Amino acid sequence: MRNPSLKPRETLITVGETAPDFVLMTQNREEWRLSDHVKKSDVVLCFYPLAFTDVCSAEMRCVSNDIESWSKKGMTVVGVSCDSFATNAAWAEKEGYTHTLLADMHREVCKAYGLYWADLNVASRGTMVIPKNEQGICKVAAVQGRPPGQAMKWDEIMALV
């Protein structure tokens, strides 16, 4: 998927800003559009650098293990990385993940959200909460950026929603 209208930014997106809309491929090779999903539920975007790595695996395992709790809160939680849909599919199968993983192979989405780790040419760690909006308007309600090696702080994210 290409998202040519997305503009790179140098700093992390902030609360209150409009989250750039995008379309990415899921691990099942299906198109996933942010604005379509915020019409139905709150959306949590969990950016991670690389599949098959320790901290990323721990984060996504937490997402998958808690997916029922998120669903009960009316939330859709997805992982976003620069890995291919095929890599994400293999990783999800190996680890037993039950949630959606999105392939930002052209690095357009992570750059548009200010989560690009140039040294490794991958997404850096970060989590965004985008509340439900029946018109599909994507406003950022919560942001958590993290340095390499630091896993998501679930309690903080859950407290924000």
N, C-alpha and C. Protein backbone atom coordinates (compact mmCIF):
# COMPACT_ATOMS: atom_id res chain seq x y z
N MET A 1 0.84 -1.18 0.00
CA MET A 1 0.00 0.00 0.00
C MET A 1 0.89 1.24 0.00
N ARG A 2 0.52 2.19 -0.79
CA ARG A 2 1.20 3.48 -0.77
C ARG A 2 0.23 4.52 -0.22
N ASN A 3 0.78 5.45 0.52
CA ASN A 3 0.01 6.54 1.11
C ASN A 3 0.71 7.85 0.76
N PRO A 4 0.64 8.25 -0.52
CA PRO A 4 1.42 9.40 -0.98
C PRO A 4 1.04 10.74 -0.34
N SER A 5 -0.15 10.84 0.23
CA SER A 5 -0.55 12.11 0.83
C SER A 5 0.06 12.33 2.23
N LEU A 6 0.66 11.29 2.80
CA LEU A 6 1.26 11.43 4.13
C LEU A 6 2.54 12.23 4.05
N LYS A 7 2.71 13.11 5.02
CA LYS A 7 3.90 13.97 5.08
C LYS A 7 4.74 13.57 6.29
N PRO A 8 6.05 13.37 6.10
CA PRO A 8 6.92 13.03 7.23
C PRO A 8 7.01 14.20 8.21
N ARG A 9 7.24 13.88 9.46
CA ARG A 9 7.44 14.90 10.49
C ARG A 9 8.62 14.48 11.36
N GLU A 10 9.25 15.45 11.95
CA GLU A 10 10.45 15.20 12.77
C GLU A 10 10.11 14.88 14.22
N THR A 11 8.95 15.32 14.70
CA THR A 11 8.59 15.14 16.10
C THR A 11 7.36 14.24 16.22
N LEU A 12 7.24 13.62 17.37
CA LEU A 12 6.12 12.75 17.66
C LEU A 12 4.81 13.51 17.61
N ILE A 13 3.80 12.94 17.00
CA ILE A 13 2.47 13.54 16.97
C ILE A 13 2.00 13.77 18.41
N THR A 14 1.17 14.78 18.62
CA THR A 14 0.75 15.12 19.98
C THR A 14 -0.76 15.01 20.14
N VAL A 15 -1.17 14.95 21.39
CA VAL A 15 -2.59 14.90 21.74
C VAL A 15 -3.30 16.10 21.14
N GLY A 16 -4.46 15.86 20.54
CA GLY A 16 -5.26 16.92 19.95
C GLY A 16 -5.05 17.10 18.46
N GLU A 17 -3.92 16.62 17.94
CA GLU A 17 -3.67 16.72 16.50
C GLU A 17 -4.54 15.71 15.76
N THR A 18 -4.77 15.99 14.50
CA THR A 18 -5.46 15.03 13.64
C THR A 18 -4.45 13.97 13.21
N ALA A 19 -4.78 12.74 13.48
CA ALA A 19 -3.91 11.62 13.09
C ALA A 19 -4.05 11.42 11.59
N PRO A 20 -2.94 11.33 10.88
CA PRO A 20 -3.02 11.11 9.44
C PRO A 20 -3.74 9.79 9.13
N ASP A 21 -4.68 9.87 8.22
CA ASP A 21 -5.39 8.66 7.78
C ASP A 21 -4.45 7.86 6.89
N PHE A 22 -4.62 6.56 6.89
CA PHE A 22 -3.76 5.70 6.08
C PHE A 22 -4.45 4.39 5.77
N VAL A 23 -3.90 3.70 4.78
CA VAL A 23 -4.30 2.34 4.44
C VAL A 23 -3.03 1.50 4.43
N LEU A 24 -3.04 0.40 5.19
CA LEU A 24 -1.93 -0.55 5.19
C LEU A 24 -2.46 -1.96 5.02
N MET A 25 -1.57 -2.86 4.68
CA MET A 25 -1.93 -4.26 4.48
C MET A 25 -1.79 -5.01 5.81
N THR A 26 -2.79 -5.83 6.12
CA THR A 26 -2.71 -6.67 7.32
C THR A 26 -1.86 -7.90 7.02
N GLN A 27 -1.59 -8.67 8.06
CA GLN A 27 -0.85 -9.91 7.88
C GLN A 27 -1.63 -10.91 7.03
N ASN A 28 -2.92 -10.69 6.87
CA ASN A 28 -3.76 -11.56 6.03
C ASN A 28 -3.95 -11.00 4.62
N ARG A 29 -3.16 -9.99 4.28
CA ARG A 29 -3.17 -9.34 2.96
C ARG A 29 -4.50 -8.64 2.67
N GLU A 30 -5.09 -8.07 3.70
CA GLU A 30 -6.31 -7.30 3.56
C GLU A 30 -5.99 -5.83 3.81
N GLU A 31 -6.68 -4.93 3.12
CA GLU A 31 -6.49 -3.50 3.35
C GLU A 31 -7.15 -3.09 4.65
N TRP A 32 -6.46 -2.25 5.41
CA TRP A 32 -6.96 -1.75 6.69
C TRP A 32 -6.81 -0.24 6.67
N ARG A 33 -7.95 0.49 6.78
CA ARG A 33 -7.95 1.96 6.74
C ARG A 33 -8.33 2.50 8.11
N LEU A 34 -7.50 3.40 8.64
CA LEU A 34 -7.73 3.97 9.97
C LEU A 34 -9.11 4.62 10.07
N SER A 35 -9.47 5.49 9.13
CA SER A 35 -10.74 6.21 9.23
C SER A 35 -11.95 5.29 9.21
N ASP A 36 -11.86 4.15 8.57
CA ASP A 36 -12.96 3.18 8.59
C ASP A 36 -13.13 2.60 9.99
N HIS A 37 -12.03 2.34 10.66
CA HIS A 37 -12.09 1.70 11.97
C HIS A 37 -12.49 2.67 13.07
N VAL A 38 -12.11 3.95 12.98
CA VAL A 38 -12.53 4.89 14.01
C VAL A 38 -14.02 5.23 13.91
N LYS A 39 -14.63 4.91 12.80
CA LYS A 39 -16.09 5.07 12.70
C LYS A 39 -16.81 4.05 13.58
N LYS A 40 -16.14 2.92 13.86
CA LYS A 40 -16.77 1.82 14.60
C LYS A 40 -16.29 1.69 16.05
N SER A 41 -15.05 2.10 16.32
CA SER A 41 -14.50 1.91 17.67
C SER A 41 -13.31 2.85 17.89
N ASP A 42 -12.91 2.96 19.16
CA ASP A 42 -11.63 3.61 19.45
C ASP A 42 -10.56 2.73 18.83
N VAL A 43 -9.44 3.35 18.44
CA VAL A 43 -8.34 2.60 17.84
C VAL A 43 -7.06 2.88 18.62
N VAL A 44 -6.32 1.82 18.91
CA VAL A 44 -5.01 1.93 19.54
C VAL A 44 -3.99 1.44 18.52
N LEU A 45 -3.07 2.34 18.13
CA LEU A 45 -1.99 1.99 17.21
C LEU A 45 -0.74 1.73 18.02
N CYS A 46 -0.19 0.53 17.92
CA CYS A 46 1.00 0.15 18.67
C CYS A 46 2.15 -0.04 17.68
N PHE A 47 2.99 0.97 17.55
CA PHE A 47 4.14 0.91 16.64
C PHE A 47 5.28 0.14 17.31
N TYR A 48 5.91 -0.74 16.55
CA TYR A 48 7.05 -1.52 17.05
C TYR A 48 8.09 -1.65 15.94
N PRO A 49 9.39 -1.78 16.31
CA PRO A 49 10.44 -1.80 15.29
C PRO A 49 10.48 -3.06 14.43
N LEU A 50 10.57 -4.23 15.04
CA LEU A 50 10.84 -5.43 14.26
C LEU A 50 10.17 -6.68 14.83
N ALA A 51 9.54 -7.43 13.96
CA ALA A 51 8.99 -8.73 14.35
C ALA A 51 10.13 -9.65 14.77
N PHE A 52 9.80 -10.65 15.54
CA PHE A 52 10.75 -11.68 15.97
C PHE A 52 11.86 -11.16 16.88
N THR A 53 11.64 -10.03 17.56
CA THR A 53 12.61 -9.53 18.52
C THR A 53 11.97 -9.55 19.91
N ASP A 54 12.81 -9.56 20.94
CA ASP A 54 12.33 -9.81 22.30
C ASP A 54 11.29 -8.81 22.80
N VAL A 55 11.62 -7.51 22.80
CA VAL A 55 10.70 -6.52 23.37
C VAL A 55 9.44 -6.42 22.52
N CYS A 56 9.59 -6.44 21.19
CA CYS A 56 8.42 -6.38 20.31
C CYS A 56 7.51 -7.59 20.53
N SER A 57 8.11 -8.75 20.69
CA SER A 57 7.32 -9.96 20.95
C SER A 57 6.58 -9.85 22.26
N ALA A 58 7.24 -9.32 23.29
CA ALA A 58 6.59 -9.15 24.60
C ALA A 58 5.42 -8.18 24.50
N GLU A 59 5.62 -7.06 23.79
CA GLU A 59 4.53 -6.09 23.63
C GLU A 59 3.33 -6.70 22.90
N MET A 60 3.59 -7.33 21.80
CA MET A 60 2.49 -7.88 21.00
C MET A 60 1.82 -9.06 21.71
N ARG A 61 2.56 -9.79 22.52
CA ARG A 61 1.97 -10.87 23.32
C ARG A 61 0.99 -10.26 24.32
N CYS A 62 1.38 -9.13 24.93
CA CYS A 62 0.48 -8.44 25.87
C CYS A 62 -0.80 -7.99 25.16
N VAL A 63 -0.64 -7.43 23.96
CA VAL A 63 -1.82 -7.00 23.19
C VAL A 63 -2.73 -8.19 22.95
N SER A 64 -2.16 -9.26 22.45
CA SER A 64 -2.96 -10.44 22.12
C SER A 64 -3.62 -11.04 23.36
N ASN A 65 -2.86 -11.12 24.46
CA ASN A 65 -3.41 -11.69 25.70
C ASN A 65 -4.53 -10.84 26.27
N ASP A 66 -4.47 -9.52 26.06
CA ASP A 66 -5.47 -8.62 26.63
C ASP A 66 -6.52 -8.16 25.62
N ILE A 67 -6.55 -8.79 24.44
CA ILE A 67 -7.44 -8.31 23.38
C ILE A 67 -8.91 -8.31 23.81
N GLU A 68 -9.29 -9.26 24.64
CA GLU A 68 -10.69 -9.29 25.11
C GLU A 68 -10.99 -8.08 25.99
N SER A 69 -10.05 -7.70 26.84
CA SER A 69 -10.23 -6.50 27.69
C SER A 69 -10.38 -5.26 26.83
N TRP A 70 -9.54 -5.15 25.81
CA TRP A 70 -9.62 -3.99 24.91
C TRP A 70 -10.96 -3.99 24.18
N SER A 71 -11.37 -5.15 23.70
CA SER A 71 -12.65 -5.25 22.96
C SER A 71 -13.82 -4.85 23.85
N LYS A 72 -13.79 -5.26 25.11
CA LYS A 72 -14.87 -4.90 26.04
C LYS A 72 -14.94 -3.39 26.24
N LYS A 73 -13.81 -2.70 26.09
CA LYS A 73 -13.78 -1.24 26.20
C LYS A 73 -14.17 -0.58 24.87
N GLY A 74 -14.49 -1.41 23.86
CA GLY A 74 -14.87 -0.86 22.57
C GLY A 74 -13.68 -0.40 21.75
N MET A 75 -12.55 -1.08 21.91
CA MET A 75 -11.32 -0.65 21.24
C MET A 75 -10.81 -1.69 20.26
N THR A 76 -10.26 -1.19 19.18
CA THR A 76 -9.55 -2.02 18.21
C THR A 76 -8.07 -1.73 18.39
N VAL A 77 -7.27 -2.76 18.64
CA VAL A 77 -5.83 -2.58 18.86
C VAL A 77 -5.08 -3.27 17.72
N VAL A 78 -4.16 -2.53 17.10
CA VAL A 78 -3.37 -3.08 16.00
C VAL A 78 -1.89 -2.77 16.22
N GLY A 79 -1.06 -3.67 15.76
CA GLY A 79 0.38 -3.44 15.74
C GLY A 79 0.76 -2.85 14.39
N VAL A 80 1.76 -1.96 14.37
CA VAL A 80 2.22 -1.34 13.13
C VAL A 80 3.75 -1.41 13.09
N SER A 81 4.29 -2.00 12.03
CA SER A 81 5.74 -2.05 11.86
C SER A 81 6.09 -1.93 10.39
N CYS A 82 7.38 -1.82 10.12
CA CYS A 82 7.86 -1.75 8.74
C CYS A 82 8.10 -3.13 8.14
N ASP A 83 7.78 -4.17 8.89
CA ASP A 83 7.90 -5.53 8.38
C ASP A 83 6.87 -5.77 7.28
N SER A 84 7.11 -6.74 6.44
CA SER A 84 6.16 -7.08 5.38
C SER A 84 4.96 -7.81 5.95
N PHE A 85 3.89 -7.87 5.19
CA PHE A 85 2.72 -8.63 5.64
C PHE A 85 3.08 -10.10 5.81
N ALA A 86 3.98 -10.61 4.99
CA ALA A 86 4.39 -12.02 5.08
C ALA A 86 5.17 -12.27 6.38
N THR A 87 6.06 -11.36 6.73
CA THR A 87 6.80 -11.49 7.99
C THR A 87 5.83 -11.41 9.16
N ASN A 88 4.91 -10.45 9.12
CA ASN A 88 3.92 -10.32 10.19
C ASN A 88 3.05 -11.57 10.30
N ALA A 89 2.69 -12.17 9.18
CA ALA A 89 1.88 -13.39 9.19
C ALA A 89 2.64 -14.54 9.83
N ALA A 90 3.91 -14.70 9.46
CA ALA A 90 4.72 -15.77 10.03
C ALA A 90 4.91 -15.57 11.53
N TRP A 91 5.15 -14.33 11.93
CA TRP A 91 5.34 -14.00 13.34
C TRP A 91 4.06 -14.25 14.13
N ALA A 92 2.93 -13.78 13.61
CA ALA A 92 1.64 -13.98 14.29
C ALA A 92 1.34 -15.47 14.45
N GLU A 93 1.62 -16.23 13.41
CA GLU A 93 1.37 -17.69 13.49
C GLU A 93 2.28 -18.34 14.52
N LYS A 94 3.56 -17.99 14.49
CA LYS A 94 4.53 -18.58 15.43
C LYS A 94 4.17 -18.24 16.88
N GLU A 95 3.79 -16.99 17.13
CA GLU A 95 3.53 -16.52 18.49
C GLU A 95 2.08 -16.69 18.93
N GLY A 96 1.19 -16.99 17.98
CA GLY A 96 -0.22 -17.16 18.32
C GLY A 96 -0.96 -15.85 18.54
N TYR A 97 -0.51 -14.77 17.91
CA TYR A 97 -1.18 -13.48 18.06
C TYR A 97 -2.56 -13.53 17.42
N THR A 98 -3.52 -12.89 18.08
CA THR A 98 -4.90 -12.89 17.58
C THR A 98 -5.33 -11.52 17.08
N HIS A 99 -4.46 -10.55 17.15
CA HIS A 99 -4.82 -9.19 16.73
C HIS A 99 -4.17 -8.88 15.38
N THR A 100 -4.59 -7.78 14.81
CA THR A 100 -4.11 -7.36 13.49
C THR A 100 -2.73 -6.73 13.58
N LEU A 101 -1.88 -7.09 12.62
CA LEU A 101 -0.56 -6.48 12.46
C LEU A 101 -0.54 -5.82 11.09
N LEU A 102 -0.10 -4.57 11.05
CA LEU A 102 -0.09 -3.80 9.81
C LEU A 102 1.33 -3.61 9.29
N ALA A 103 1.47 -3.69 7.97
CA ALA A 103 2.77 -3.60 7.30
C ALA A 103 2.97 -2.22 6.69
N ASP A 104 3.82 -1.42 7.32
CA ASP A 104 4.18 -0.08 6.84
C ASP A 104 5.50 -0.19 6.07
N MET A 105 5.52 -1.00 5.03
CA MET A 105 6.76 -1.33 4.32
C MET A 105 7.42 -0.12 3.67
N HIS A 106 6.67 0.92 3.34
CA HIS A 106 7.24 2.12 2.72
C HIS A 106 7.59 3.19 3.74
N ARG A 107 7.38 2.88 5.03
CA ARG A 107 7.73 3.77 6.15
C ARG A 107 6.97 5.09 6.14
N GLU A 108 5.90 5.17 5.38
CA GLU A 108 5.15 6.42 5.27
C GLU A 108 4.36 6.74 6.53
N VAL A 109 3.77 5.71 7.15
CA VAL A 109 2.93 5.94 8.33
C VAL A 109 3.78 6.28 9.55
N CYS A 110 4.81 5.49 9.80
CA CYS A 110 5.65 5.80 10.98
C CYS A 110 6.28 7.18 10.85
N LYS A 111 6.67 7.58 9.65
CA LYS A 111 7.23 8.91 9.45
C LYS A 111 6.18 10.00 9.67
N ALA A 112 4.95 9.76 9.22
CA ALA A 112 3.87 10.74 9.37
C ALA A 112 3.46 10.93 10.83
N TYR A 113 3.72 9.92 11.66
CA TYR A 113 3.39 10.00 13.08
C TYR A 113 4.58 10.41 13.94
N GLY A 114 5.72 10.66 13.30
CA GLY A 114 6.93 11.05 14.03
C GLY A 114 7.57 9.90 14.77
N LEU A 115 7.39 8.68 14.24
CA LEU A 115 7.92 7.48 14.89
C LEU A 115 8.85 6.71 13.96
N TYR A 116 9.75 7.42 13.31
CA TYR A 116 10.69 6.78 12.40
C TYR A 116 12.07 6.72 13.05
N TRP A 117 12.65 5.54 13.11
CA TRP A 117 13.98 5.31 13.69
C TRP A 117 14.94 5.18 12.53
N ALA A 118 15.51 6.31 12.11
CA ALA A 118 16.33 6.37 10.90
C ALA A 118 17.55 5.47 10.95
N ASP A 119 18.18 5.34 12.11
CA ASP A 119 19.39 4.51 12.21
C ASP A 119 19.16 3.07 11.76
N LEU A 120 17.96 2.56 12.01
CA LEU A 120 17.64 1.18 11.62
C LEU A 120 16.64 1.11 10.47
N ASN A 121 16.16 2.27 10.00
CA ASN A 121 15.17 2.33 8.93
C ASN A 121 13.89 1.55 9.26
N VAL A 122 13.43 1.72 10.50
CA VAL A 122 12.22 1.04 10.97
C VAL A 122 11.39 2.02 11.81
N ALA A 123 10.22 1.57 12.22
CA ALA A 123 9.40 2.35 13.14
C ALA A 123 10.02 2.31 14.52
N SER A 124 9.91 3.39 15.25
CA SER A 124 10.32 3.36 16.66
C SER A 124 9.09 2.99 17.48
N ARG A 125 9.29 2.82 18.77
CA ARG A 125 8.19 2.39 19.65
C ARG A 125 7.27 3.55 20.01
N GLY A 126 5.98 3.29 19.91
CA GLY A 126 5.02 4.30 20.31
C GLY A 126 3.61 3.77 20.25
N THR A 127 2.74 4.38 21.02
CA THR A 127 1.33 3.97 21.07
C THR A 127 0.46 5.22 20.98
N MET A 128 -0.56 5.16 20.13
CA MET A 128 -1.51 6.26 19.97
C MET A 128 -2.92 5.73 20.25
N VAL A 129 -3.72 6.52 20.91
CA VAL A 129 -5.13 6.21 21.10
C VAL A 129 -5.93 7.23 20.31
N ILE A 130 -6.79 6.73 19.43
CA ILE A 130 -7.62 7.58 18.59
C ILE A 130 -9.08 7.21 18.85
N PRO A 131 -9.85 8.12 19.44
CA PRO A 131 -11.23 7.82 19.81
C PRO A 131 -12.15 7.62 18.62
N LYS A 132 -13.20 6.87 18.89
CA LYS A 132 -14.25 6.64 17.90
C LYS A 132 -14.82 7.97 17.44
N ASN A 133 -15.08 8.06 16.14
CA ASN A 133 -15.71 9.24 15.57
C ASN A 133 -16.50 8.78 14.35
N GLU A 134 -17.80 8.90 14.41
CA GLU A 134 -18.66 8.36 13.36
C GLU A 134 -18.42 8.98 11.99
N GLN A 135 -17.79 10.16 11.94
CA GLN A 135 -17.46 10.79 10.66
C GLN A 135 -16.08 10.33 10.16
N GLY A 136 -15.38 9.53 10.96
CA GLY A 136 -14.07 9.04 10.56
C GLY A 136 -12.95 10.03 10.78
N ILE A 137 -13.19 11.04 11.62
CA ILE A 137 -12.15 12.03 11.92
C ILE A 137 -11.24 11.45 13.01
N CYS A 138 -9.97 11.46 12.76
CA CYS A 138 -9.00 10.80 13.62
C CYS A 138 -8.23 11.81 14.46
N LYS A 139 -8.69 12.09 15.65
CA LYS A 139 -8.00 13.00 16.56
C LYS A 139 -7.26 12.18 17.61
N VAL A 140 -6.02 12.52 17.87
CA VAL A 140 -5.20 11.79 18.83
C VAL A 140 -5.62 12.17 20.25
N ALA A 141 -5.95 11.15 21.06
CA ALA A 141 -6.37 11.38 22.44
C ALA A 141 -5.26 11.06 23.43
N ALA A 142 -4.33 10.20 23.05
CA ALA A 142 -3.22 9.83 23.94
C ALA A 142 -2.04 9.38 23.10
N VAL A 143 -0.85 9.70 23.59
CA VAL A 143 0.40 9.34 22.91
C VAL A 143 1.40 8.85 23.95
N GLN A 144 2.08 7.78 23.60
CA GLN A 144 3.17 7.29 24.44
C GLN A 144 4.32 6.89 23.51
N GLY A 145 5.37 7.69 23.48
CA GLY A 145 6.57 7.35 22.73
C GLY A 145 7.56 6.69 23.67
N ARG A 146 8.34 5.75 23.14
CA ARG A 146 9.28 5.02 24.01
C ARG A 146 10.62 4.83 23.32
N PRO A 147 11.70 4.86 24.10
CA PRO A 147 13.02 4.61 23.52
C PRO A 147 13.18 3.12 23.19
N PRO A 148 14.17 2.79 22.36
CA PRO A 148 14.43 1.38 22.05
C PRO A 148 14.62 0.57 23.33
N GLY A 149 14.08 -0.63 23.33
CA GLY A 149 14.24 -1.52 24.47
C GLY A 149 13.23 -1.33 25.58
N GLN A 150 12.44 -0.25 25.54
CA GLN A 150 11.45 -0.02 26.59
C GLN A 150 10.07 -0.43 26.09
N ALA A 151 9.48 -1.39 26.75
CA ALA A 151 8.18 -1.91 26.34
C ALA A 151 7.06 -0.94 26.71
N MET A 152 5.91 -1.15 26.09
CA MET A 152 4.71 -0.36 26.33
C MET A 152 4.31 -0.45 27.80
N LYS A 153 3.84 0.64 28.35
CA LYS A 153 3.36 0.66 29.73
C LYS A 153 1.84 0.52 29.67
N TRP A 154 1.37 -0.73 29.73
CA TRP A 154 -0.04 -1.03 29.54
C TRP A 154 -0.93 -0.31 30.53
N ASP A 155 -0.50 -0.26 31.77
CA ASP A 155 -1.35 0.39 32.79
C ASP A 155 -1.60 1.85 32.43
N GLU A 156 -0.56 2.53 31.92
CA GLU A 156 -0.72 3.93 31.53
C GLU A 156 -1.67 4.06 30.34
N ILE A 157 -1.53 3.19 29.36
CA ILE A 157 -2.41 3.25 28.19
C ILE A 157 -3.84 2.93 28.59
N MET A 158 -4.03 1.86 29.38
CA MET A 158 -5.39 1.49 29.81
C MET A 158 -6.02 2.63 30.63
N ALA A 159 -5.23 3.35 31.42
CA ALA A 159 -5.75 4.45 32.22
C ALA A 159 -6.18 5.63 31.37
N LEU A 160 -5.61 5.74 30.18
CA LEU A 160 -5.92 6.86 29.29
C LEU A 160 -7.24 6.66 28.54
N VAL A 161 -7.74 5.45 28.55
CA VAL A 161 -8.96 5.16 27.75
C VAL A 161 -10.13 4.79 28.62
